[in-house]
Amino acid sequence: MKKILIAMMLFCALTAVAQKNVYGFTVKDDVGQSVSLKQYKGQVLLIVNTATRCGFTPQYKEMEALYQKYHSQGFELLDFPCNQFGEQAPGTAQEIRQFCEANFDVHFPQFDKIDVNGPQQEPLFAYLKAKQGFQGFDLNDRLGKLLDEMMEKQDPDFRQKPDIKWNFTKFLIDKKGRVVKRYEPTAPMSEVEADVARLLK
């Protein structure tokens, strides 16, 4: 039974990776309703795995500012809470939504809690990782250096693996649904904004 389950998960992951763009994926929103990413055709997307009790959690404020600045120009930010990194996204999807609204006044779409690595990973994230592997932490950033050292102790080969390393990893999607860039959590939002503005032109 276990072998069958593993085979099914591998098949799902390979099927996800074979997609031509993000529009073939359907995800669950924060109230459990299915959402086809086809509805975002023609828009520039930033897809992010988030957490509410992380050193990077203040990025919610920067993400909301980015969303407010460019949303009317065809930009959408899709937020996927994930509890896989230090269990820093506790609570239900609805509780996470309430926290984000109360503390950061977020208005961008938030989705159900997911896994981004491992056997239960969301197929969308299997696809994103296959298209854009790990980019390396900013070692000039205090948290970036800390994460790099911590992960090297756990796995000396971590840099060669495409897995999501931590909360607030971001993927930029162009107007044709193609994954064009990945940002690790230490990447400055100014870099993300410059790329979003370029794709919107």
C-alpha atoms as a PDB file:
ATOM      1  CA  MET A   1       0.000   0.000   0.000  1.00  0.00           C
ATOM      2  CA  LYS A   2       2.852   2.354   0.903  1.00  0.00           C
ATOM      3  CA  LYS A   3       4.558   1.680  -2.464  1.00  0.00           C
ATOM      4  CA  ILE A   4       1.324   2.451  -4.309  1.00  0.00           C
ATOM      5  CA  LEU A   5       0.948   5.718  -2.391  1.00  0.00           C
ATOM      6  CA  ILE A   6       4.528   6.746  -3.168  1.00  0.00           C
ATOM      7  CA  ALA A   7       4.027   5.863  -6.844  1.00  0.00           C
ATOM      8  CA  MET A   8       0.850   7.949  -6.987  1.00  0.00           C
ATOM      9  CA  MET A   9       2.578  10.959  -5.388  1.00  0.00           C
ATOM     10  CA  LEU A  10       5.505  10.638  -7.796  1.00  0.00           C
ATOM     11  CA  PHE A  11       3.082  10.483 -10.724  1.00  0.00           C
ATOM     12  CA  CYS A  12       1.304  13.633  -9.498  1.00  0.00           C
ATOM     13  CA  ALA A  13       4.621  15.463  -9.107  1.00  0.00           C
ATOM     14  CA  LEU A  14       5.785  14.452 -12.599  1.00  0.00           C
ATOM     15  CA  THR A  15       2.414  15.470 -14.054  1.00  0.00           C
ATOM     16  CA  ALA A  16       2.714  18.865 -12.377  1.00  0.00           C
ATOM     17  CA  VAL A  17       6.226  19.431 -13.718  1.00  0.00           C
ATOM     18  CA  ALA A  18       5.043  18.583 -17.255  1.00  0.00           C
ATOM     19  CA  GLN A  19       2.656  21.554 -17.315  1.00  0.00           C
ATOM     20  CA  LYS A  20       3.517  24.332 -19.788  1.00  0.00           C
ATOM     21  CA  ASN A  21       2.449  27.164 -17.484  1.00  0.00           C
ATOM     22  CA  VAL A  22       0.731  27.828 -14.156  1.00  0.00           C
ATOM     23  CA  TYR A  23      -2.736  27.959 -15.708  1.00  0.00           C
ATOM     24  CA  GLY A  24      -3.162  24.181 -15.547  1.00  0.00           C
ATOM     25  CA  PHE A  25      -3.257  24.228 -11.742  1.00  0.00           C
ATOM     26  CA  THR A  26      -6.215  24.447  -9.383  1.00  0.00           C
ATOM     27  CA  VAL A  27      -5.682  25.369  -5.733  1.00  0.00           C
ATOM     28  CA  LYS A  28      -7.856  25.853  -2.652  1.00  0.00           C
ATOM     29  CA  ASP A  29      -8.556  29.312  -1.269  1.00  0.00           C
ATOM     30  CA  ASP A  30      -8.670  30.157   2.440  1.00  0.00           C
ATOM     31  CA  VAL A  31     -12.248  28.862   2.764  1.00  0.00           C
ATOM     32  CA  GLY A  32     -11.591  25.634   0.864  1.00  0.00           C
ATOM     33  CA  GLN A  33     -13.055  26.638  -2.488  1.00  0.00           C
ATOM     34  CA  SER A  34     -11.294  25.502  -5.674  1.00  0.00           C
ATOM     35  CA  VAL A  35      -9.600  28.269  -7.653  1.00  0.00           C
ATOM     36  CA  SER A  36      -8.280  27.703 -11.162  1.00  0.00           C
ATOM     37  CA  LEU A  37      -5.198  29.770 -11.929  1.00  0.00           C
ATOM     38  CA  LYS A  38      -6.656  30.239 -15.417  1.00  0.00           C
ATOM     39  CA  GLN A  39      -8.518  33.202 -13.952  1.00  0.00           C
ATOM     40  CA  TYR A  40      -5.170  35.037 -13.729  1.00  0.00           C
ATOM     41  CA  LYS A  41      -4.335  34.726 -17.434  1.00  0.00           C
ATOM     42  CA  GLY A  42      -2.653  37.834 -18.781  1.00  0.00           C
ATOM     43  CA  GLN A  43      -1.584  39.085 -15.343  1.00  0.00           C
ATOM     44  CA  VAL A  44       1.833  39.258 -13.724  1.00  0.00           C
ATOM     45  CA  LEU A  45       1.827  37.044 -10.620  1.00  0.00           C
ATOM     46  CA  LEU A  46       3.964  36.798  -7.513  1.00  0.00           C
ATOM     47  CA  ILE A  47       3.417  33.464  -5.729  1.00  0.00           C
ATOM     48  CA  VAL A  48       4.705  33.337  -2.142  1.00  0.00           C
ATOM     49  CA  ASN A  49       4.800  30.780   0.683  1.00  0.00           C
ATOM     50  CA  THR A  50       4.310  32.677   3.933  1.00  0.00           C
ATOM     51  CA  ALA A  51       4.273  32.319   7.714  1.00  0.00           C
ATOM     52  CA  THR A  52       2.902  34.566  10.453  1.00  0.00           C
ATOM     53  CA  ARG A  53       5.561  33.953  13.137  1.00  0.00           C
ATOM     54  CA  CYS A  54       8.773  34.237  11.170  1.00  0.00           C
ATOM     55  CA  GLY A  55      11.643  36.719  11.134  1.00  0.00           C
ATOM     56  CA  PHE A  56      10.498  37.566   7.612  1.00  0.00           C
ATOM     57  CA  THR A  57       6.826  38.101   8.572  1.00  0.00           C
ATOM     58  CA  PRO A  58       7.188  41.926   8.304  1.00  0.00           C
ATOM     59  CA  GLN A  59       7.495  41.326   4.543  1.00  0.00           C
ATOM     60  CA  TYR A  60       3.697  41.176   4.557  1.00  0.00           C
ATOM     61  CA  LYS A  61       3.772  44.973   4.800  1.00  0.00           C
ATOM     62  CA  GLU A  62       6.096  45.283   1.799  1.00  0.00           C
ATOM     63  CA  MET A  63       4.062  42.774  -0.171  1.00  0.00           C
ATOM     64  CA  GLU A  64       0.850  44.695   0.500  1.00  0.00           C
ATOM     65  CA  ALA A  65       2.528  47.936  -0.607  1.00  0.00           C
ATOM     66  CA  LEU A  66       3.644  46.226  -3.828  1.00  0.00           C
ATOM     67  CA  TYR A  67       0.144  44.872  -4.372  1.00  0.00           C
ATOM     68  CA  GLN A  68      -1.496  48.260  -3.849  1.00  0.00           C
ATOM     69  CA  LYS A  69       0.950  49.989  -6.184  1.00  0.00           C
ATOM     70  CA  TYR A  70       0.637  47.611  -9.140  1.00  0.00           C
ATOM     71  CA  HIS A  71      -2.662  45.742  -8.779  1.00  0.00           C
ATOM     72  CA  SER A  72      -4.557  48.160 -11.023  1.00  0.00           C
ATOM     73  CA  GLN A  73      -1.905  47.606 -13.721  1.00  0.00           C
ATOM     74  CA  GLY A  74      -2.489  43.842 -13.868  1.00  0.00           C
ATOM     75  CA  PHE A  75      -0.448  42.519 -10.955  1.00  0.00           C
ATOM     76  CA  GLU A  76      -1.681  39.845  -8.541  1.00  0.00           C
ATOM     77  CA  LEU A  77      -0.009  38.445  -5.433  1.00  0.00           C
ATOM     78  CA  LEU A  78      -0.974  34.919  -4.341  1.00  0.00           C
ATOM     79  CA  ASP A  79      -0.212  34.010  -0.721  1.00  0.00           C
ATOM     80  CA  PHE A  80       0.130  30.349   0.361  1.00  0.00           C
ATOM     81  CA  PRO A  81       0.686  29.875   4.116  1.00  0.00           C
ATOM     82  CA  CYS A  82       3.007  26.976   4.963  1.00  0.00           C
ATOM     83  CA  ASN A  83       3.847  25.514   8.372  1.00  0.00           C
ATOM     84  CA  GLN A  84       6.843  23.402   7.262  1.00  0.00           C
ATOM     85  CA  PHE A  85       9.594  25.773   8.401  1.00  0.00           C
ATOM     86  CA  GLY A  86       9.897  25.953  12.166  1.00  0.00           C
ATOM     87  CA  GLU A  87       6.110  25.533  12.466  1.00  0.00           C
ATOM     88  CA  GLN A  88       5.844  29.293  12.043  1.00  0.00           C
ATOM     89  CA  ALA A  89       2.401  29.338  10.407  1.00  0.00           C
ATOM     90  CA  PRO A  90       0.141  27.935  13.155  1.00  0.00           C
ATOM     91  CA  GLY A  91      -3.625  28.102  13.070  1.00  0.00           C
ATOM     92  CA  THR A  92      -6.210  27.625  10.357  1.00  0.00           C
ATOM     93  CA  ALA A  93      -6.210  29.447   7.042  1.00  0.00           C
ATOM     94  CA  GLN A  94      -8.980  31.675   8.369  1.00  0.00           C
ATOM     95  CA  GLU A  95      -7.015  32.516  11.531  1.00  0.00           C
ATOM     96  CA  ILE A  96      -4.008  33.371   9.372  1.00  0.00           C
ATOM     97  CA  ARG A  97      -6.195  35.632   7.227  1.00  0.00           C
ATOM     98  CA  GLN A  98      -7.501  37.414  10.336  1.00  0.00           C
ATOM     99  CA  PHE A  99      -3.951  37.891  11.655  1.00  0.00           C
ATOM    100  CA  CYS A 100      -2.763  39.356   8.355  1.00  0.00           C
ATOM    101  CA  GLU A 101      -5.705  41.713   8.063  1.00  0.00           C
ATOM    102  CA  ALA A 102      -5.363  42.910  11.669  1.00  0.00           C
ATOM    103  CA  ASN A 103      -1.581  43.357  11.632  1.00  0.00           C
ATOM    104  CA  PHE A 104      -0.733  44.212   8.025  1.00  0.00           C
ATOM    105  CA  ASP A 105      -4.072  45.190   6.420  1.00  0.00           C
ATOM    106  CA  VAL A 106      -3.519  42.746   3.556  1.00  0.00           C
ATOM    107  CA  HIS A 107      -5.909  42.669   0.611  1.00  0.00           C
ATOM    108  CA  PHE A 108      -4.197  40.253  -1.781  1.00  0.00           C
ATOM    109  CA  PRO A 109      -5.610  36.709  -2.223  1.00  0.00           C
ATOM    110  CA  GLN A 110      -4.690  34.213   0.481  1.00  0.00           C
ATOM    111  CA  PHE A 111      -5.050  30.478  -0.002  1.00  0.00           C
ATOM    112  CA  ASP A 112      -5.272  27.329   2.096  1.00  0.00           C
ATOM    113  CA  LYS A 113      -2.272  26.150   4.126  1.00  0.00           C
ATOM    114  CA  ILE A 114      -0.100  23.823   2.067  1.00  0.00           C
ATOM    115  CA  ASP A 115       3.137  21.843   2.047  1.00  0.00           C
ATOM    116  CA  VAL A 116       5.699  23.141  -0.430  1.00  0.00           C
ATOM    117  CA  ASN A 117       8.165  20.231  -0.033  1.00  0.00           C
ATOM    118  CA  GLY A 118       7.861  16.505   0.547  1.00  0.00           C
ATOM    119  CA  PRO A 119       5.291  13.836  -0.320  1.00  0.00           C
ATOM    120  CA  GLN A 120       2.279  16.080   0.370  1.00  0.00           C
ATOM    121  CA  GLN A 121       3.591  19.099  -1.523  1.00  0.00           C
ATOM    122  CA  GLU A 122       1.155  21.231  -3.484  1.00  0.00           C
ATOM    123  CA  PRO A 123       1.573  20.304  -7.197  1.00  0.00           C
ATOM    124  CA  LEU A 124       1.827  23.994  -8.096  1.00  0.00           C
ATOM    125  CA  PHE A 125       4.969  24.288  -5.978  1.00  0.00           C
ATOM    126  CA  ALA A 126       6.474  21.136  -7.488  1.00  0.00           C
ATOM    127  CA  TYR A 127       6.131  22.911 -10.829  1.00  0.00           C
ATOM    128  CA  LEU A 128       7.527  26.220  -9.588  1.00  0.00           C
ATOM    129  CA  LYS A 129      10.603  24.541  -8.077  1.00  0.00           C
ATOM    130  CA  ALA A 130      11.226  22.538 -11.251  1.00  0.00           C
ATOM    131  CA  LYS A 131      11.243  25.735 -13.298  1.00  0.00           C
ATOM    132  CA  GLN A 132      13.344  27.819 -10.882  1.00  0.00           C
ATOM    133  CA  GLY A 133      15.724  26.131  -8.455  1.00  0.00           C
ATOM    134  CA  PHE A 134      17.315  27.535  -5.306  1.00  0.00           C
ATOM    135  CA  GLN A 135      18.970  30.916  -5.955  1.00  0.00           C
ATOM    136  CA  GLY A 136      21.115  31.188  -2.813  1.00  0.00           C
ATOM    137  CA  PHE A 137      20.643  33.393   0.221  1.00  0.00           C
ATOM    138  CA  ASP A 138      21.984  36.938   0.371  1.00  0.00           C
ATOM    139  CA  LEU A 139      25.053  36.360   2.536  1.00  0.00           C
ATOM    140  CA  ASN A 140      25.369  40.095   3.186  1.00  0.00           C
ATOM    141  CA  ASP A 141      22.051  39.857   5.012  1.00  0.00           C
ATOM    142  CA  ARG A 142      22.254  38.761   8.675  1.00  0.00           C
ATOM    143  CA  LEU A 143      19.300  36.371   8.377  1.00  0.00           C
ATOM    144  CA  GLY A 144      20.554  35.116   5.024  1.00  0.00           C
ATOM    145  CA  LYS A 145      23.924  34.186   6.470  1.00  0.00           C
ATOM    146  CA  LEU A 146      22.246  32.557   9.470  1.00  0.00           C
ATOM    147  CA  LEU A 147      19.973  30.445   7.251  1.00  0.00           C
ATOM    148  CA  ASP A 148      22.871  29.445   5.006  1.00  0.00           C
ATOM    149  CA  GLU A 149      24.965  28.263   7.963  1.00  0.00           C
ATOM    150  CA  MET A 150      22.033  26.472   9.595  1.00  0.00           C
ATOM    151  CA  MET A 151      21.110  24.575   6.432  1.00  0.00           C
ATOM    152  CA  GLU A 152      24.678  23.638   5.594  1.00  0.00           C
ATOM    153  CA  LYS A 153      24.943  21.917   8.980  1.00  0.00           C
ATOM    154  CA  GLN A 154      21.764  19.957   8.239  1.00  0.00           C
ATOM    155  CA  ASP A 155      22.672  19.142   4.627  1.00  0.00           C
ATOM    156  CA  PRO A 156      26.020  20.132   3.024  1.00  0.00           C
ATOM    157  CA  ASP A 157      24.415  19.693  -0.434  1.00  0.00           C
ATOM    158  CA  PHE A 158      21.336  21.859   0.224  1.00  0.00           C
ATOM    159  CA  ARG A 159      22.384  24.487  -2.347  1.00  0.00           C
ATOM    160  CA  GLN A 160      22.081  21.967  -5.200  1.00  0.00           C
ATOM    161  CA  LYS A 161      18.496  21.026  -4.332  1.00  0.00           C
ATOM    162  CA  PRO A 162      15.470  22.947  -5.672  1.00  0.00           C
ATOM    163  CA  ASP A 163      13.376  22.569  -2.497  1.00  0.00           C
ATOM    164  CA  ILE A 164      11.905  25.633  -0.851  1.00  0.00           C
ATOM    165  CA  LYS A 165      14.330  26.515   1.936  1.00  0.00           C
ATOM    166  CA  TRP A 166      12.257  28.850   4.108  1.00  0.00           C
ATOM    167  CA  ASN A 167       9.208  31.082   4.449  1.00  0.00           C
ATOM    168  CA  PHE A 168       8.663  33.956   2.002  1.00  0.00           C
ATOM    169  CA  THR A 169      10.237  32.337  -1.051  1.00  0.00           C
ATOM    170  CA  LYS A 170       8.744  34.088  -4.085  1.00  0.00           C
ATOM    171  CA  PHE A 171       8.145  33.105  -7.703  1.00  0.00           C
ATOM    172  CA  LEU A 172       7.516  35.679 -10.440  1.00  0.00           C
ATOM    173  CA  ILE A 173       5.162  34.653 -13.249  1.00  0.00           C
ATOM    174  CA  ASP A 174       4.882  36.575 -16.522  1.00  0.00           C
ATOM    175  CA  LYS A 175       1.697  37.384 -18.472  1.00  0.00           C
ATOM    176  CA  LYS A 176       1.893  34.040 -20.296  1.00  0.00           C
ATOM    177  CA  GLY A 177       1.971  32.033 -17.075  1.00  0.00           C
ATOM    178  CA  ARG A 178       5.687  31.232 -17.272  1.00  0.00           C
ATOM    179  CA  VAL A 179       7.928  31.144 -14.185  1.00  0.00           C
ATOM    180  CA  VAL A 180      10.615  33.732 -14.895  1.00  0.00           C
ATOM    181  CA  LYS A 181      12.359  34.224 -11.550  1.00  0.00           C
ATOM    182  CA  ARG A 182      12.670  32.939  -7.999  1.00  0.00           C
ATOM    183  CA  TYR A 183      13.553  35.085  -5.010  1.00  0.00           C
ATOM    184  CA  GLU A 184      14.801  33.665  -1.743  1.00  0.00           C
ATOM    185  CA  PRO A 185      13.401  35.366   1.397  1.00  0.00           C
ATOM    186  CA  THR A 186      16.527  37.513   1.798  1.00  0.00           C
ATOM    187  CA  ALA A 187      16.086  39.141  -1.644  1.00  0.00           C
ATOM    188  CA  PRO A 188      15.189  42.840  -1.257  1.00  0.00           C
ATOM    189  CA  MET A 189      11.659  43.813  -2.222  1.00  0.00           C
ATOM    190  CA  SER A 190      13.130  46.584  -4.371  1.00  0.00           C
ATOM    191  CA  GLU A 191      14.509  43.866  -6.681  1.00  0.00           C
ATOM    192  CA  VAL A 192      11.115  42.180  -6.844  1.00  0.00           C
ATOM    193  CA  GLU A 193       9.391  45.480  -7.580  1.00  0.00           C
ATOM    194  CA  ALA A 194      11.788  46.336 -10.416  1.00  0.00           C
ATOM    195  CA  ASP A 195      11.067  42.997 -12.084  1.00  0.00           C
ATOM    196  CA  VAL A 196       7.301  43.302 -11.589  1.00  0.00           C
ATOM    197  CA  ALA A 197       7.319  46.799 -13.127  1.00  0.00           C
ATOM    198  CA  ARG A 198       9.356  45.542 -16.093  1.00  0.00           C
ATOM    199  CA  LEU A 199       6.950  42.676 -16.809  1.00  0.00           C
ATOM    200  CA  LEU A 200       3.919  44.976 -16.589  1.00  0.00           C
ATOM    201  CA  LYS A 201       5.193  47.266 -19.351  1.00  0.00           C
END
